[in-house]
Amino acid sequence: MNAISFYKQSPPCAARQRGAVLIVSLIMLVVITMIAAGSMRGTILEEKMAGNSRDRNLAFQAAESAVREGEMSIENVASLGGFKGTGGLFGRTDAEPDYAAEATWTNGSRHIDAGADYGAFQAPQYFIKVFTTVAGTEGALNLSGYGDNKGTGDVTVFKVTGRGTGGSADSAEVTLRSYYGRIF
């Protein structure tokens, strides 16, 4: 008696498949990994850009608040006698500090720290310099708004320079300057 075996030979198509599915799936896995890595790299770059934009905006707002505080302090000045070149107040004949020099903002006698920091890394800072005086009828300037007549008199013009930083030690730094006039 002859036993018939159904499994004498492998099917003809199994002999031709020598791991082709494995190779194709590995290639697809590599392609998908490269796409995912590129997407992650782009996302990380966009996150850094958004953070830098936030820091720049925070620094700008801090510098603007310093300038506004300096302008408000000018309104409280009774005379120009306090502008002696120290404490952030510089007279007409005093040398104005270099706003780009780090010493201007680290030396406490060269600037004034503003009251609010608005989340910045350090408090906004400013200094005020008496710039010039516009005398006589030329001093009848419209300084506070459209249509306001300030009358005649000498207008003292001040330069207010403010500096603000972003949210961390190595973030953005913004310096703003404003010219502000007042009749004494």
Protein backbone atom coordinates (compact mmCIF):
# COMPACT_ATOMS: atom_id res chain seq x y z
CA MET A 1 0.00 0.00 0.00
CA ASN A 2 1.16 3.23 -1.06
CA ALA A 3 0.53 6.16 1.21
CA ILE A 4 -0.30 9.29 -0.60
CA SER A 5 1.13 12.40 0.92
CA PHE A 6 -0.48 15.69 0.16
CA TYR A 7 2.48 17.68 1.32
CA LYS A 8 5.24 16.22 -0.78
CA GLN A 9 6.13 19.50 -2.43
CA SER A 10 5.86 23.11 -1.40
CA PRO A 11 3.41 25.12 -3.39
CA PRO A 12 5.09 26.72 -6.40
CA CYS A 13 4.52 30.40 -5.32
CA ALA A 14 6.05 29.91 -1.84
CA ALA A 15 9.36 28.97 -3.39
CA ARG A 16 9.58 32.33 -5.16
CA GLN A 17 8.92 34.51 -2.06
CA ARG A 18 12.28 34.97 -0.47
CA GLY A 19 11.46 37.80 2.06
CA ALA A 20 10.17 40.40 -0.37
CA VAL A 21 7.39 41.47 1.99
CA LEU A 22 9.92 42.06 4.76
CA ILE A 23 12.10 44.26 2.55
CA VAL A 24 9.15 46.30 1.26
CA SER A 25 7.78 46.82 4.78
CA LEU A 26 11.20 47.92 6.08
CA ILE A 27 11.54 50.45 3.25
CA MET A 28 8.08 51.83 4.04
CA LEU A 29 8.98 52.04 7.73
CA VAL A 30 12.14 54.03 6.91
CA VAL A 31 10.15 56.43 4.70
CA ILE A 32 7.50 56.98 7.38
CA THR A 33 10.22 57.56 10.00
CA MET A 34 11.89 60.18 7.81
CA ILE A 35 8.58 61.99 7.28
CA ALA A 36 7.86 61.97 11.03
CA ALA A 37 11.34 63.24 11.90
CA GLY A 38 11.00 66.08 9.37
CA SER A 39 7.63 67.05 10.79
CA MET A 40 9.01 67.09 14.33
CA ARG A 41 11.94 69.26 13.24
CA GLY A 42 9.54 71.75 11.65
CA THR A 43 7.35 71.79 14.75
CA ILE A 44 10.32 72.44 17.02
CA LEU A 45 11.45 75.33 14.78
CA GLU A 46 7.96 76.86 14.84
CA GLU A 47 7.86 76.57 18.63
CA LYS A 48 11.19 78.38 18.93
CA MET A 49 9.96 81.11 16.58
CA ALA A 50 6.80 81.60 18.64
CA GLY A 51 8.85 81.81 21.85
CA ASN A 52 11.20 84.37 20.35
CA SER A 53 8.28 86.43 19.10
CA ARG A 54 6.74 86.37 22.59
CA ASP A 55 10.05 87.46 24.18
CA ARG A 56 10.45 90.29 21.66
CA ASN A 57 6.92 91.51 22.34
CA LEU A 58 7.47 91.30 26.10
CA ALA A 59 10.72 93.28 25.77
CA PHE A 60 8.99 95.92 23.65
CA GLN A 61 6.14 96.31 26.14
CA ALA A 62 8.61 96.57 29.04
CA ALA A 63 10.66 99.24 27.22
CA GLU A 64 7.53 101.19 26.36
CA SER A 65 6.36 101.09 29.99
CA ALA A 66 9.77 102.43 31.07
CA VAL A 67 9.51 105.33 28.60
CA ARG A 68 5.97 106.14 29.78
CA GLU A 69 7.06 106.06 33.40
CA GLY A 70 9.93 108.43 32.55
CA GLU A 71 7.51 110.82 30.85
CA MET A 72 5.20 110.74 33.88
CA SER A 73 8.13 111.48 36.18
CA ILE A 74 8.93 114.59 34.09
CA GLU A 75 5.46 115.90 34.88
CA ASN A 76 6.33 115.70 38.62
CA VAL A 77 9.60 117.66 38.27
CA ALA A 78 9.44 121.09 39.89
CA SER A 79 12.76 122.37 38.50
CA LEU A 80 15.73 121.19 36.49
CA GLY A 81 18.02 121.31 39.55
CA GLY A 82 17.89 117.53 40.02
CA PHE A 83 19.34 116.82 36.57
CA LYS A 84 23.00 116.55 37.63
CA GLY A 85 24.27 113.55 35.68
CA THR A 86 23.54 110.92 38.33
CA GLY A 87 20.62 108.75 39.24
CA GLY A 88 19.47 108.51 35.62
CA LEU A 89 18.82 112.28 35.33
CA PHE A 90 21.17 114.15 32.98
CA GLY A 91 21.29 117.90 32.41
CA ARG A 92 21.87 119.68 29.15
CA THR A 93 25.66 119.87 29.65
CA ASP A 94 26.05 116.31 31.00
CA ALA A 95 27.27 113.61 28.65
CA GLU A 96 24.42 111.34 27.71
CA PRO A 97 25.09 107.67 28.44
CA ASP A 98 25.48 105.30 25.52
CA TYR A 99 22.26 103.32 25.41
CA ALA A 100 24.06 100.45 23.61
CA ALA A 101 26.72 100.06 26.33
CA GLU A 102 26.05 97.39 28.94
CA ALA A 103 27.53 99.63 31.66
CA THR A 104 24.67 102.10 31.19
CA TRP A 105 22.17 99.48 32.29
CA THR A 106 24.25 97.73 34.98
CA ASN A 107 25.49 100.86 36.77
CA GLY A 108 22.68 102.06 39.06
CA SER A 109 23.77 105.71 38.83
CA ARG A 110 23.24 105.74 35.06
CA HIS A 111 19.59 104.64 34.95
CA ILE A 112 16.34 104.41 36.90
CA ASP A 113 14.52 101.10 37.42
CA ALA A 114 10.87 101.27 36.45
CA GLY A 115 8.22 100.21 38.93
CA ALA A 116 6.57 97.33 37.06
CA ASP A 117 8.30 94.49 35.21
CA TYR A 118 5.31 92.88 33.43
CA GLY A 119 6.92 89.44 33.56
CA ALA A 120 10.23 90.49 32.02
CA PHE A 121 13.52 88.95 33.14
CA GLN A 122 14.52 92.19 34.82
CA ALA A 123 12.72 95.43 35.60
CA PRO A 124 12.56 97.93 32.72
CA GLN A 125 15.04 100.78 32.98
CA TYR A 126 15.21 104.33 31.69
CA PHE A 127 17.20 107.54 31.84
CA ILE A 128 16.20 111.14 31.10
CA LYS A 129 18.34 113.84 29.48
CA VAL A 130 17.44 117.50 29.16
CA PHE A 131 17.72 117.95 25.40
CA THR A 132 16.96 121.57 24.61
CA THR A 133 14.68 124.52 25.28
CA VAL A 134 12.40 125.99 22.66
CA ALA A 135 12.06 129.67 23.62
CA GLY A 136 9.45 132.38 23.15
CA THR A 137 6.67 132.09 20.61
CA GLU A 138 8.34 129.02 19.14
CA GLY A 139 7.46 127.36 22.43
CA ALA A 140 3.74 127.56 21.68
CA LEU A 141 3.79 123.94 20.65
CA ASN A 142 0.89 121.57 20.71
CA LEU A 143 2.51 119.01 23.03
CA SER A 144 -0.33 117.00 24.53
CA GLY A 145 -2.93 116.64 21.82
CA TYR A 146 -4.60 118.04 18.78
CA GLY A 147 -6.13 121.45 19.29
CA ASP A 148 -4.80 122.06 22.81
CA ASN A 149 -3.32 125.52 23.08
CA LYS A 150 -0.53 125.50 25.63
CA GLY A 151 -0.02 129.22 25.35
CA THR A 152 3.37 130.80 24.99
CA GLY A 153 6.47 130.19 27.00
CA ASP A 154 9.65 128.21 27.00
CA VAL A 155 9.25 124.51 26.35
CA THR A 156 11.92 122.25 27.80
CA VAL A 157 12.40 119.15 25.68
CA PHE A 158 13.63 115.92 27.30
CA LYS A 159 14.94 112.70 25.76
CA VAL A 160 13.60 109.65 27.58
CA THR A 161 15.39 106.40 26.73
CA GLY A 162 13.94 103.12 27.99
CA ARG A 163 15.16 99.53 27.86
CA GLY A 164 13.23 96.31 28.35
CA THR A 165 14.14 92.64 28.25
CA GLY A 166 12.23 89.48 27.44
CA GLY A 167 11.35 86.64 29.77
CA SER A 168 14.79 85.03 30.18
CA ALA A 169 18.44 86.02 30.58
CA ASP A 170 19.34 85.38 26.93
CA SER A 171 16.18 86.74 25.35
CA ALA A 172 15.35 89.85 23.36
CA GLU A 173 16.31 93.35 24.41
CA VAL A 174 14.51 96.47 23.13
CA THR A 175 15.56 100.12 23.51
CA LEU A 176 13.09 102.94 22.81
CA ARG A 177 13.49 106.71 22.85
CA SER A 178 10.89 109.42 23.21
CA TYR A 179 11.13 113.21 23.09
CA TYR A 180 8.89 114.87 25.65
CA GLY A 181 8.29 118.58 26.10
CA ARG A 182 7.05 120.49 29.12
CA ILE A 183 6.48 124.14 29.98
CA PHE A 184 7.83 125.04 33.43
